[in-house]
Amino acid sequence: MILLTILINKNMSKETKYIGFHNINTFQVVENETYLGGVNSNGEDVTLVFTTIELLEWLDIDHMRKEAIKHIKQLNK
């Protein structure tokens, strides 16, 4: 699930929305923007756009890799 916090109206109240990506099928980097596109749990096309530098600072790639390996090993038991 991907968590999006959406700012609504001028008063900047927050609405939290969870979107399940069931198929990530597009990846693109242009200058300092990273695009991930796919299909959500409702079958709708969704594209997320990130600032590449902030995305790299925010993601813990080593931790993600370790967790993925741990998950794969559990599947193979």
N, C-alpha and C. Protein backbone atom coordinates (compact mmCIF):
# COMPACT_ATOMS: atom_id res chain seq x y z
N MET A 1 0.83 -1.18 0.00
CA MET A 1 0.00 0.00 0.00
C MET A 1 0.87 1.24 0.00
N ILE A 2 0.44 2.22 -0.70
CA ILE A 2 1.13 3.51 -0.73
C ILE A 2 0.28 4.50 0.03
N LEU A 3 0.89 5.23 0.93
CA LEU A 3 0.19 6.22 1.73
C LEU A 3 0.37 7.59 1.10
N LEU A 4 -0.74 8.23 0.80
CA LEU A 4 -0.70 9.59 0.28
C LEU A 4 -1.41 10.50 1.26
N THR A 5 -0.80 11.61 1.56
CA THR A 5 -1.47 12.64 2.35
C THR A 5 -1.85 13.74 1.38
N ILE A 6 -3.13 14.00 1.26
CA ILE A 6 -3.64 14.97 0.30
C ILE A 6 -4.10 16.21 1.04
N LEU A 7 -3.60 17.37 0.62
CA LEU A 7 -4.03 18.63 1.23
C LEU A 7 -5.25 19.12 0.47
N ILE A 8 -6.30 19.47 1.21
CA ILE A 8 -7.57 19.83 0.61
C ILE A 8 -7.93 21.27 0.96
N ASN A 9 -8.40 22.02 -0.04
CA ASN A 9 -8.92 23.38 0.13
C ASN A 9 -7.85 24.35 0.66
N LYS A 10 -8.26 25.58 0.85
CA LYS A 10 -7.35 26.62 1.31
C LYS A 10 -6.94 26.45 2.76
N ASN A 11 -7.78 25.82 3.54
CA ASN A 11 -7.48 25.67 4.97
C ASN A 11 -6.42 24.61 5.23
N MET A 12 -5.98 23.93 4.18
CA MET A 12 -4.90 22.95 4.26
C MET A 12 -5.21 21.81 5.23
N SER A 13 -6.46 21.45 5.37
CA SER A 13 -6.77 20.28 6.18
C SER A 13 -6.26 19.05 5.43
N LYS A 14 -5.95 18.02 6.17
CA LYS A 14 -5.35 16.84 5.57
C LYS A 14 -6.34 15.69 5.49
N GLU A 15 -6.23 14.95 4.40
CA GLU A 15 -6.97 13.71 4.24
C GLU A 15 -5.93 12.64 3.91
N THR A 16 -5.94 11.54 4.64
CA THR A 16 -5.01 10.47 4.37
C THR A 16 -5.70 9.42 3.52
N LYS A 17 -5.02 9.01 2.46
CA LYS A 17 -5.60 8.05 1.54
C LYS A 17 -4.59 6.94 1.28
N TYR A 18 -5.03 5.70 1.37
CA TYR A 18 -4.18 4.55 1.08
C TYR A 18 -4.53 4.04 -0.30
N ILE A 19 -3.48 3.85 -1.11
CA ILE A 19 -3.68 3.33 -2.46
C ILE A 19 -2.84 2.08 -2.61
N GLY A 20 -3.45 0.98 -2.97
CA GLY A 20 -2.71 -0.25 -3.22
C GLY A 20 -2.30 -0.31 -4.67
N PHE A 21 -1.01 -0.39 -4.93
CA PHE A 21 -0.52 -0.59 -6.29
C PHE A 21 -0.43 -2.09 -6.53
N HIS A 22 -1.17 -2.58 -7.51
CA HIS A 22 -1.14 -4.01 -7.82
C HIS A 22 -0.28 -4.30 -9.03
N ASN A 23 0.10 -3.27 -9.75
CA ASN A 23 0.93 -3.46 -10.93
C ASN A 23 1.67 -2.16 -11.20
N ILE A 24 2.95 -2.13 -10.89
CA ILE A 24 3.77 -0.97 -11.25
C ILE A 24 4.35 -1.28 -12.62
N ASN A 25 4.00 -0.47 -13.61
CA ASN A 25 4.40 -0.80 -14.98
C ASN A 25 5.16 0.32 -15.68
N THR A 26 5.41 1.43 -15.01
CA THR A 26 6.11 2.54 -15.64
C THR A 26 7.11 3.14 -14.67
N PHE A 27 8.31 3.35 -15.15
CA PHE A 27 9.35 4.02 -14.37
C PHE A 27 10.09 4.95 -15.31
N GLN A 28 10.27 6.20 -14.88
CA GLN A 28 10.96 7.17 -15.71
C GLN A 28 11.60 8.22 -14.82
N VAL A 29 12.79 8.65 -15.19
CA VAL A 29 13.45 9.75 -14.50
C VAL A 29 13.78 10.81 -15.55
N VAL A 30 13.32 12.02 -15.32
CA VAL A 30 13.61 13.16 -16.19
C VAL A 30 14.13 14.27 -15.30
N GLU A 31 15.37 14.66 -15.54
CA GLU A 31 16.04 15.67 -14.73
C GLU A 31 15.92 15.29 -13.26
N ASN A 32 15.18 16.04 -12.45
CA ASN A 32 15.08 15.74 -11.02
C ASN A 32 13.69 15.25 -10.63
N GLU A 33 13.00 14.60 -11.56
CA GLU A 33 11.69 14.03 -11.25
C GLU A 33 11.68 12.54 -11.58
N THR A 34 11.15 11.76 -10.66
CA THR A 34 11.01 10.32 -10.84
C THR A 34 9.53 9.99 -10.91
N TYR A 35 9.15 9.26 -11.94
CA TYR A 35 7.76 8.88 -12.17
C TYR A 35 7.61 7.38 -11.97
N LEU A 36 6.61 6.99 -11.18
CA LEU A 36 6.22 5.59 -11.03
C LEU A 36 4.75 5.51 -11.43
N GLY A 37 4.46 4.67 -12.37
CA GLY A 37 3.07 4.54 -12.81
C GLY A 37 2.62 3.10 -12.67
N GLY A 38 1.33 2.95 -12.49
CA GLY A 38 0.79 1.60 -12.36
C GLY A 38 -0.71 1.63 -12.24
N VAL A 39 -1.23 0.50 -11.78
CA VAL A 39 -2.67 0.32 -11.64
C VAL A 39 -2.97 0.13 -10.17
N ASN A 40 -3.97 0.88 -9.67
CA ASN A 40 -4.32 0.76 -8.25
C ASN A 40 -5.30 -0.38 -8.03
N SER A 41 -5.73 -0.55 -6.79
CA SER A 41 -6.61 -1.66 -6.44
C SER A 41 -8.00 -1.54 -7.06
N ASN A 42 -8.33 -0.36 -7.60
CA ASN A 42 -9.62 -0.17 -8.29
C ASN A 42 -9.49 -0.30 -9.80
N GLY A 43 -8.31 -0.67 -10.28
CA GLY A 43 -8.09 -0.82 -11.71
C GLY A 43 -7.83 0.49 -12.43
N GLU A 44 -7.57 1.56 -11.69
CA GLU A 44 -7.34 2.87 -12.28
C GLU A 44 -5.84 3.10 -12.46
N ASP A 45 -5.47 3.78 -13.55
CA ASP A 45 -4.09 4.16 -13.76
C ASP A 45 -3.72 5.30 -12.81
N VAL A 46 -2.56 5.17 -12.17
CA VAL A 46 -2.08 6.17 -11.22
C VAL A 46 -0.61 6.42 -11.51
N THR A 47 -0.20 7.69 -11.49
CA THR A 47 1.20 8.05 -11.64
C THR A 47 1.62 8.89 -10.44
N LEU A 48 2.69 8.48 -9.79
CA LEU A 48 3.26 9.23 -8.69
C LEU A 48 4.52 9.92 -9.19
N VAL A 49 4.69 11.19 -8.84
CA VAL A 49 5.86 11.96 -9.25
C VAL A 49 6.61 12.40 -7.99
N PHE A 50 7.89 12.08 -7.95
CA PHE A 50 8.73 12.40 -6.81
C PHE A 50 9.89 13.28 -7.25
N THR A 51 10.39 14.11 -6.37
CA THR A 51 11.66 14.78 -6.59
C THR A 51 12.74 13.73 -6.37
N THR A 52 13.55 13.48 -7.38
CA THR A 52 14.50 12.37 -7.33
C THR A 52 15.45 12.47 -6.15
N ILE A 53 16.01 13.63 -5.92
CA ILE A 53 16.97 13.79 -4.82
C ILE A 53 16.30 13.49 -3.48
N GLU A 54 15.11 14.01 -3.25
CA GLU A 54 14.41 13.74 -1.99
C GLU A 54 14.02 12.27 -1.87
N LEU A 55 13.64 11.66 -2.98
CA LEU A 55 13.28 10.24 -2.96
C LEU A 55 14.49 9.40 -2.55
N LEU A 56 15.65 9.71 -3.11
CA LEU A 56 16.86 8.96 -2.76
C LEU A 56 17.26 9.19 -1.31
N GLU A 57 17.06 10.40 -0.81
CA GLU A 57 17.37 10.67 0.60
C GLU A 57 16.40 9.94 1.52
N TRP A 58 15.16 9.81 1.11
CA TRP A 58 14.11 9.26 1.96
C TRP A 58 14.11 7.74 1.99
N LEU A 59 14.36 7.10 0.84
CA LEU A 59 14.31 5.64 0.77
C LEU A 59 15.55 5.02 1.38
N ASP A 60 15.36 3.96 2.10
CA ASP A 60 16.46 3.19 2.66
C ASP A 60 16.61 1.94 1.81
N ILE A 61 17.37 2.05 0.71
CA ILE A 61 17.49 0.99 -0.28
C ILE A 61 18.07 -0.28 0.33
N ASP A 62 19.09 -0.15 1.17
CA ASP A 62 19.69 -1.33 1.80
C ASP A 62 18.67 -2.08 2.64
N HIS A 63 17.88 -1.36 3.42
CA HIS A 63 16.85 -1.99 4.24
C HIS A 63 15.80 -2.66 3.35
N MET A 64 15.39 -1.98 2.29
CA MET A 64 14.40 -2.55 1.37
C MET A 64 14.92 -3.86 0.76
N ARG A 65 16.19 -3.85 0.37
CA ARG A 65 16.79 -5.04 -0.23
C ARG A 65 16.81 -6.20 0.77
N LYS A 66 17.22 -5.91 2.02
CA LYS A 66 17.27 -6.95 3.05
C LYS A 66 15.88 -7.53 3.33
N GLU A 67 14.87 -6.67 3.42
CA GLU A 67 13.51 -7.14 3.67
C GLU A 67 12.98 -7.97 2.50
N ALA A 68 13.30 -7.58 1.28
CA ALA A 68 12.87 -8.33 0.10
C ALA A 68 13.52 -9.72 0.09
N ILE A 69 14.81 -9.78 0.41
CA ILE A 69 15.50 -11.07 0.45
C ILE A 69 14.90 -11.95 1.53
N LYS A 70 14.62 -11.37 2.69
CA LYS A 70 14.00 -12.13 3.78
C LYS A 70 12.63 -12.67 3.35
N HIS A 71 11.85 -11.88 2.66
CA HIS A 71 10.53 -12.30 2.17
C HIS A 71 10.66 -13.44 1.16
N ILE A 72 11.61 -13.32 0.24
CA ILE A 72 11.82 -14.37 -0.77
C ILE A 72 12.23 -15.67 -0.12
N LYS A 73 13.10 -15.60 0.89
CA LYS A 73 13.51 -16.81 1.59
C LYS A 73 12.34 -17.47 2.28
N GLN A 74 11.42 -16.69 2.84
CA GLN A 74 10.22 -17.24 3.48
C GLN A 74 9.33 -17.94 2.45
N LEU A 75 9.25 -17.39 1.26
CA LEU A 75 8.43 -18.00 0.20
C LEU A 75 9.00 -19.34 -0.24
N ASN A 76 10.31 -19.48 -0.17
CA ASN A 76 10.98 -20.69 -0.64
C ASN A 76 11.05 -21.80 0.40
N LYS A 77 10.50 -21.58 1.59
CA LYS A 77 10.52 -22.62 2.64
C LYS A 77 9.51 -23.69 2.35
